[in-house]
N, C-alpha and C. Protein backbone atom coordinates (compact mmCIF):
# COMPACT_ATOMS: atom_id res chain seq x y z
N MET A 1 24.58 -39.48 -29.76
CA MET A 1 24.84 -38.17 -28.66
C MET A 1 25.36 -37.02 -29.25
N LYS A 2 26.64 -37.18 -30.21
CA LYS A 2 27.05 -36.33 -30.93
C LYS A 2 26.12 -35.50 -31.92
N ARG A 3 25.18 -36.62 -32.51
CA ARG A 3 24.29 -35.89 -33.42
C ARG A 3 23.30 -35.12 -32.80
N SER A 4 22.68 -35.38 -31.71
CA SER A 4 21.70 -34.74 -31.09
C SER A 4 22.44 -33.26 -30.60
N VAL A 5 23.43 -33.34 -30.12
CA VAL A 5 24.30 -32.12 -29.65
C VAL A 5 24.17 -31.14 -31.07
N PHE A 6 24.76 -31.79 -32.21
CA PHE A 6 24.87 -31.04 -33.06
C PHE A 6 23.44 -30.50 -33.83
N ALA A 7 22.59 -31.15 -33.64
CA ALA A 7 21.25 -30.81 -34.07
C ALA A 7 20.68 -29.81 -33.36
N VAL A 8 20.90 -29.76 -32.07
CA VAL A 8 20.52 -28.54 -30.93
C VAL A 8 21.32 -27.23 -31.35
N LEU A 9 22.63 -27.37 -31.49
CA LEU A 9 23.43 -26.29 -31.81
C LEU A 9 23.04 -25.53 -33.19
N ALA A 10 22.76 -26.51 -34.03
CA ALA A 10 22.37 -25.91 -35.36
C ALA A 10 20.99 -25.48 -35.31
N ALA A 11 20.17 -25.70 -34.65
CA ALA A 11 18.79 -25.33 -34.53
C ALA A 11 18.86 -23.71 -33.64
N LEU A 12 19.78 -23.80 -32.73
CA LEU A 12 19.87 -22.60 -32.15
C LEU A 12 20.63 -21.46 -32.90
N CYS A 13 21.36 -21.89 -33.66
CA CYS A 13 21.92 -20.84 -34.71
C CYS A 13 21.01 -20.28 -35.55
N VAL A 14 20.13 -21.32 -36.04
CA VAL A 14 19.15 -20.88 -37.14
C VAL A 14 18.07 -20.01 -36.54
N THR A 15 17.74 -20.06 -35.23
CA THR A 15 16.58 -19.37 -34.56
C THR A 15 17.38 -18.03 -34.23
N GLY A 16 18.69 -17.94 -33.95
CA GLY A 16 19.21 -16.61 -33.78
C GLY A 16 19.31 -15.66 -34.80
N VAL A 17 19.42 -16.39 -36.11
CA VAL A 17 19.34 -15.65 -37.22
C VAL A 17 18.17 -15.34 -37.59
N ALA A 18 17.03 -15.89 -37.43
CA ALA A 18 15.74 -15.77 -37.75
C ALA A 18 14.95 -14.66 -36.86
N HIS A 19 15.72 -14.32 -35.75
CA HIS A 19 14.99 -13.26 -34.94
C HIS A 19 15.89 -11.99 -35.08
N ALA A 20 16.72 -11.91 -36.16
CA ALA A 20 17.40 -10.80 -36.14
C ALA A 20 16.60 -9.60 -36.98
N LYS A 21 16.88 -8.29 -36.56
CA LYS A 21 15.90 -7.27 -37.00
C LYS A 21 16.37 -6.72 -38.09
N LEU A 22 15.64 -6.44 -39.14
CA LEU A 22 16.25 -5.54 -40.27
C LEU A 22 16.24 -4.13 -40.08
N PRO A 23 17.09 -3.37 -40.74
CA PRO A 23 17.42 -1.79 -40.40
C PRO A 23 16.00 -1.31 -41.00
N VAL A 24 15.89 -0.01 -40.54
CA VAL A 24 14.79 0.83 -40.99
C VAL A 24 15.21 1.47 -42.20
N PRO A 25 14.41 1.09 -43.29
CA PRO A 25 14.58 1.61 -44.57
C PRO A 25 14.52 3.22 -44.66
N THR A 26 15.50 3.43 -45.55
CA THR A 26 15.71 5.06 -45.76
C THR A 26 14.44 5.47 -46.64
N GLU A 27 14.49 6.85 -46.63
CA GLU A 27 13.47 7.50 -47.48
C GLU A 27 13.55 7.22 -48.99
N GLU A 28 14.71 6.92 -49.36
CA GLU A 28 14.76 6.53 -50.75
C GLU A 28 14.31 5.15 -51.10
N GLN A 29 14.61 3.91 -50.27
CA GLN A 29 13.81 2.84 -50.25
C GLN A 29 12.46 2.97 -50.05
N GLN A 30 11.80 3.57 -48.96
CA GLN A 30 10.62 3.78 -48.88
C GLN A 30 10.03 4.54 -50.18
N ALA A 31 10.43 5.44 -50.97
CA ALA A 31 9.95 5.92 -51.96
C ALA A 31 10.08 4.98 -53.12
N ALA A 32 11.22 4.10 -53.47
CA ALA A 32 11.31 3.20 -54.43
C ALA A 32 10.23 2.26 -54.11
N ALA A 33 9.94 1.56 -52.97
CA ALA A 33 9.04 0.76 -52.67
C ALA A 33 7.74 1.41 -52.85
N ALA A 34 7.03 2.51 -52.75
CA ALA A 34 6.05 2.95 -53.11
C ALA A 34 5.77 3.17 -54.86
N ALA A 35 6.83 3.32 -55.30
CA ALA A 35 6.65 3.49 -56.61
C ALA A 35 6.41 2.18 -57.31
N ALA A 36 7.15 1.16 -56.84
CA ALA A 36 6.84 -0.10 -57.35
C ALA A 36 5.56 -0.61 -57.01
N LYS A 37 4.92 -0.38 -55.81
CA LYS A 37 3.46 -0.64 -55.61
C LYS A 37 2.54 0.08 -56.31
N ASP A 38 2.95 1.26 -56.68
CA ASP A 38 2.07 2.24 -57.85
C ASP A 38 2.04 1.45 -59.09
N LYS A 39 3.31 1.09 -59.44
CA LYS A 39 3.33 0.52 -60.88
C LYS A 39 2.57 -0.80 -60.98
N ALA A 40 2.62 -1.57 -59.64
CA ALA A 40 2.16 -2.86 -59.65
C ALA A 40 0.71 -2.56 -59.75
N ALA A 41 0.04 -1.67 -59.19
CA ALA A 41 -1.50 -1.28 -59.17
C ALA A 41 -1.98 -1.02 -60.72
N TRP A 42 -0.92 -0.25 -61.23
CA TRP A 42 -1.29 -0.17 -62.69
C TRP A 42 -1.26 -0.99 -63.48
N GLY A 43 -0.35 -1.86 -63.41
CA GLY A 43 -0.35 -3.37 -64.18
C GLY A 43 -1.52 -3.97 -63.86
N ASP A 44 -2.13 -4.26 -62.69
CA ASP A 44 -3.41 -4.70 -62.31
C ASP A 44 -4.47 -4.21 -63.07
N LYS A 45 -4.54 -2.87 -63.21
CA LYS A 45 -5.77 -2.18 -63.84
C LYS A 45 -5.34 -2.52 -65.50
N VAL A 46 -4.14 -2.52 -66.06
CA VAL A 46 -4.13 -2.94 -67.38
C VAL A 46 -4.51 -4.32 -67.54
N SER A 47 -4.12 -5.27 -66.78
CA SER A 47 -4.74 -6.61 -66.69
C SER A 47 -6.12 -6.81 -66.80
N THR A 48 -6.67 -6.01 -65.96
CA THR A 48 -8.34 -6.37 -65.89
C THR A 48 -8.71 -5.47 -67.33
N TYR A 49 -8.31 -4.49 -67.83
CA TYR A 49 -8.79 -4.13 -69.17
C TYR A 49 -8.59 -5.11 -70.19
N LYS A 50 -7.36 -5.54 -70.10
CA LYS A 50 -7.13 -6.48 -71.45
C LYS A 50 -8.09 -7.81 -71.23
N LEU A 51 -8.38 -8.34 -70.11
CA LEU A 51 -9.60 -9.28 -69.75
C LEU A 51 -10.67 -9.03 -70.06
N CYS A 52 -11.10 -7.59 -69.71
CA CYS A 52 -12.40 -7.32 -70.16
C CYS A 52 -12.66 -7.24 -71.87
N GLN A 53 -11.43 -6.73 -72.26
CA GLN A 53 -11.62 -6.76 -73.89
C GLN A 53 -11.90 -8.25 -74.28
N ALA A 54 -10.83 -9.08 -73.95
CA ALA A 54 -11.06 -10.51 -74.38
C ALA A 54 -12.28 -11.19 -74.04
N GLN A 55 -13.16 -10.74 -72.99
CA GLN A 55 -14.40 -11.41 -72.56
C GLN A 55 -15.41 -10.77 -73.69
N ASP A 56 -15.18 -9.42 -73.92
CA ASP A 56 -16.31 -8.96 -74.88
C ASP A 56 -16.10 -9.70 -76.21
N ARG A 57 -14.88 -9.95 -76.81
CA ARG A 57 -14.62 -10.63 -77.93
C ARG A 57 -15.24 -11.62 -78.19
N VAL A 58 -15.10 -12.48 -76.91
CA VAL A 58 -15.60 -14.04 -76.89
C VAL A 58 -17.08 -13.85 -76.97
N VAL A 59 -17.59 -13.02 -76.11
CA VAL A 59 -19.22 -12.79 -76.37
C VAL A 59 -19.60 -12.43 -77.79
N ALA A 60 -18.95 -11.52 -78.46
CA ALA A 60 -19.27 -11.08 -79.45
C ALA A 60 -19.01 -12.23 -80.81
N TYR A 61 -18.36 -12.99 -80.67
CA TYR A 61 -17.66 -14.09 -81.54
C TYR A 61 -18.87 -15.22 -81.29
N TYR A 62 -19.34 -15.57 -79.97
CA TYR A 62 -20.22 -16.52 -79.68
C TYR A 62 -21.69 -16.07 -80.46
N ALA A 63 -21.75 -14.93 -80.03
CA ALA A 63 -23.27 -14.46 -80.51
C ALA A 63 -23.41 -14.32 -81.97
N LYS A 64 -22.15 -13.97 -82.77
CA LYS A 64 -21.94 -14.11 -84.33
C LYS A 64 -22.14 -15.36 -84.78
N THR A 65 -21.40 -16.37 -84.33
CA THR A 65 -21.41 -17.68 -84.89
C THR A 65 -22.77 -18.60 -84.59
N ASN A 66 -23.30 -18.20 -83.39
CA ASN A 66 -24.42 -19.00 -83.04
C ASN A 66 -25.71 -18.34 -83.24
N ALA A 67 -26.45 -18.59 -84.39
CA ALA A 67 -27.73 -18.03 -84.60
C ALA A 67 -28.73 -18.21 -83.32
N ASN A 68 -28.70 -19.06 -82.59
CA ASN A 68 -29.67 -19.31 -81.62
C ASN A 68 -29.29 -18.46 -80.19
N ALA A 69 -28.32 -17.96 -80.20
CA ALA A 69 -27.77 -17.33 -79.12
C ALA A 69 -28.45 -16.00 -78.74
N LYS A 70 -28.71 -15.85 -77.51
CA LYS A 70 -29.65 -14.51 -77.05
C LYS A 70 -28.65 -13.77 -75.98
N VAL A 71 -27.25 -13.71 -76.25
CA VAL A 71 -26.43 -12.89 -75.53
C VAL A 71 -26.13 -11.89 -76.46
N THR A 72 -25.79 -10.78 -75.62
CA THR A 72 -25.14 -9.62 -76.14
C THR A 72 -23.88 -9.32 -75.33
N PRO A 73 -23.00 -8.47 -75.82
CA PRO A 73 -21.97 -7.99 -75.06
C PRO A 73 -22.35 -7.13 -73.79
N SER A 74 -22.06 -7.34 -72.76
CA SER A 74 -22.60 -6.58 -71.67
C SER A 74 -22.28 -5.02 -71.80
N ALA A 75 -23.35 -4.25 -71.64
CA ALA A 75 -23.15 -2.63 -71.76
C ALA A 75 -22.82 -2.35 -70.44
N THR A 76 -23.13 -2.96 -69.57
CA THR A 76 -22.80 -2.58 -67.86
C THR A 76 -21.37 -2.59 -67.52
N SER A 77 -20.71 -3.54 -68.27
CA SER A 77 -19.19 -3.67 -67.62
C SER A 77 -18.34 -2.90 -68.69
N ALA A 78 -18.53 -1.76 -69.16
CA ALA A 78 -17.66 -1.24 -70.12
C ALA A 78 -16.03 -1.22 -69.67
N CYS A 79 -15.36 -1.43 -70.64
CA CYS A 79 -13.86 -1.72 -70.49
C CYS A 79 -13.43 -0.11 -70.22
N VAL A 80 -12.55 0.03 -69.12
CA VAL A 80 -11.99 1.24 -68.91
C VAL A 80 -10.59 1.42 -69.19
N ASP A 81 -9.97 1.92 -70.02
CA ASP A 81 -8.61 2.06 -70.43
C ASP A 81 -7.77 2.76 -69.28
N PRO A 82 -6.89 2.16 -68.62
CA PRO A 82 -5.98 2.95 -67.43
C PRO A 82 -5.16 3.92 -68.12
N GLY A 83 -4.88 3.77 -69.50
CA GLY A 83 -3.89 4.97 -69.98
C GLY A 83 -2.32 4.32 -69.81
N PRO A 84 -1.51 5.39 -70.32
CA PRO A 84 -0.17 4.93 -70.00
C PRO A 84 0.25 5.05 -68.47
N TYR A 85 1.36 4.42 -68.10
CA TYR A 85 1.74 4.65 -66.78
C TYR A 85 2.30 5.91 -66.68
N GLN A 86 1.79 6.66 -65.42
CA GLN A 86 2.25 7.67 -64.86
C GLN A 86 2.45 7.88 -63.61
N ALA A 87 3.66 8.16 -63.15
CA ALA A 87 3.96 8.06 -61.70
C ALA A 87 3.03 9.00 -60.78
N LYS A 88 2.73 8.58 -59.69
CA LYS A 88 2.08 9.41 -58.89
C LYS A 88 2.62 10.92 -58.68
N ALA A 89 3.88 11.15 -58.48
CA ALA A 89 4.30 12.20 -58.11
C ALA A 89 4.16 13.10 -59.42
N GLN A 90 4.59 12.49 -60.58
CA GLN A 90 4.21 13.32 -62.04
C GLN A 90 2.92 13.63 -61.93
N ALA A 91 1.90 12.83 -61.78
CA ALA A 91 0.45 13.25 -61.84
C ALA A 91 -0.09 14.11 -61.12
N GLN A 92 0.57 14.06 -59.84
CA GLN A 92 0.25 15.28 -58.82
C GLN A 92 0.75 16.49 -59.22
N ALA A 93 1.94 16.60 -59.74
CA ALA A 93 2.58 17.70 -60.06
C ALA A 93 1.70 18.41 -61.47
N GLU A 94 1.10 17.50 -62.31
CA GLU A 94 0.45 17.88 -63.23
C GLU A 94 -1.05 18.63 -62.94
N VAL A 95 -1.48 18.06 -61.91
CA VAL A 95 -2.78 18.53 -61.50
C VAL A 95 -2.58 19.52 -60.41
N GLY A 96 -1.31 19.77 -59.89
CA GLY A 96 -1.21 20.95 -59.19
C GLY A 96 -1.26 20.63 -57.69
N ILE A 97 -1.00 19.51 -57.15
CA ILE A 97 -1.13 19.00 -55.95
C ILE A 97 0.24 18.88 -55.60
N ALA A 98 0.49 19.82 -54.26
CA ALA A 98 1.77 20.09 -53.91
C ALA A 98 1.93 18.95 -52.43
N ASP A 99 3.19 18.53 -52.11
CA ASP A 99 3.60 17.78 -50.97
C ASP A 99 3.61 18.68 -49.93
N SER A 100 2.36 19.10 -49.41
CA SER A 100 2.33 19.85 -48.35
C SER A 100 1.71 19.14 -47.22
N LYS A 101 1.94 19.86 -45.88
CA LYS A 101 1.40 19.01 -44.61
C LYS A 101 -0.06 19.41 -44.80
N PRO A 102 -0.84 18.65 -44.30
CA PRO A 102 -2.37 19.01 -43.96
C PRO A 102 -2.70 20.25 -42.97
N VAL A 103 -3.34 20.96 -43.11
CA VAL A 103 -4.00 21.99 -42.19
C VAL A 103 -4.88 21.32 -41.17
N PRO A 104 -4.39 21.65 -39.82
CA PRO A 104 -5.26 21.00 -38.77
C PRO A 104 -6.83 21.74 -38.90
N ALA A 105 -7.53 20.90 -38.29
CA ALA A 105 -8.78 21.53 -38.26
C ALA A 105 -9.11 22.52 -37.12
N ALA A 106 -10.06 23.52 -37.19
CA ALA A 106 -10.20 24.67 -36.16
C ALA A 106 -10.33 24.04 -34.92
N GLY A 107 -9.39 24.29 -33.76
CA GLY A 107 -9.55 23.83 -32.46
C GLY A 107 -8.64 22.95 -32.19
N ALA A 108 -7.91 22.22 -33.22
CA ALA A 108 -7.00 21.02 -33.00
C ALA A 108 -5.75 21.38 -32.38
N LEU A 109 -5.19 20.58 -31.75
CA LEU A 109 -4.01 20.84 -31.04
C LEU A 109 -2.89 20.59 -32.21
N GLN A 110 -1.69 21.56 -31.94
CA GLN A 110 -0.58 21.26 -32.75
C GLN A 110 0.36 20.21 -32.11
N PRO A 111 1.19 19.79 -32.66
CA PRO A 111 1.99 18.73 -31.90
C PRO A 111 2.86 19.59 -30.99
N GLY A 112 2.97 18.85 -29.62
CA GLY A 112 3.81 19.56 -28.48
C GLY A 112 2.84 20.40 -27.62
N ALA A 113 1.53 20.75 -28.35
CA ALA A 113 0.81 21.77 -27.33
C ALA A 113 0.25 21.23 -26.31
N MET A 114 0.12 21.76 -25.17
CA MET A 114 -0.86 21.44 -24.13
C MET A 114 -2.26 21.87 -24.29
N PRO A 115 -3.11 21.23 -23.97
CA PRO A 115 -4.65 21.56 -23.89
C PRO A 115 -4.92 22.49 -22.62
N LYS A 116 -5.79 23.41 -23.12
CA LYS A 116 -6.09 24.51 -21.95
C LYS A 116 -6.97 23.86 -20.98
N LYS A 117 -7.03 24.06 -19.67
CA LYS A 117 -7.88 23.66 -18.80
C LYS A 117 -8.97 24.82 -18.59
């Protein structure tokens, strides 16, 4: 009896903790998360580039060592070097893109404006 009561109380405590809400992230935390996501995407591009190069080396070696091989390195899948990592904010500043609000289309309602009848 004591064990079952203890198990029920433990389960209630765990479910209460599991339903707790996280605080809303600050702008700094959101910016840090966006930067981490951007860097991870760049890392994926670098990995894809290195894999492409390795595949081309394998095909070239196979074609070189096997006289009867009728394969050639694929010209359709050229490896694209992603270049060094550049943060989005830095890249946008170099291109001249400012962090500005988008211009509403003609006839679009502004926030808080009432439509005309």
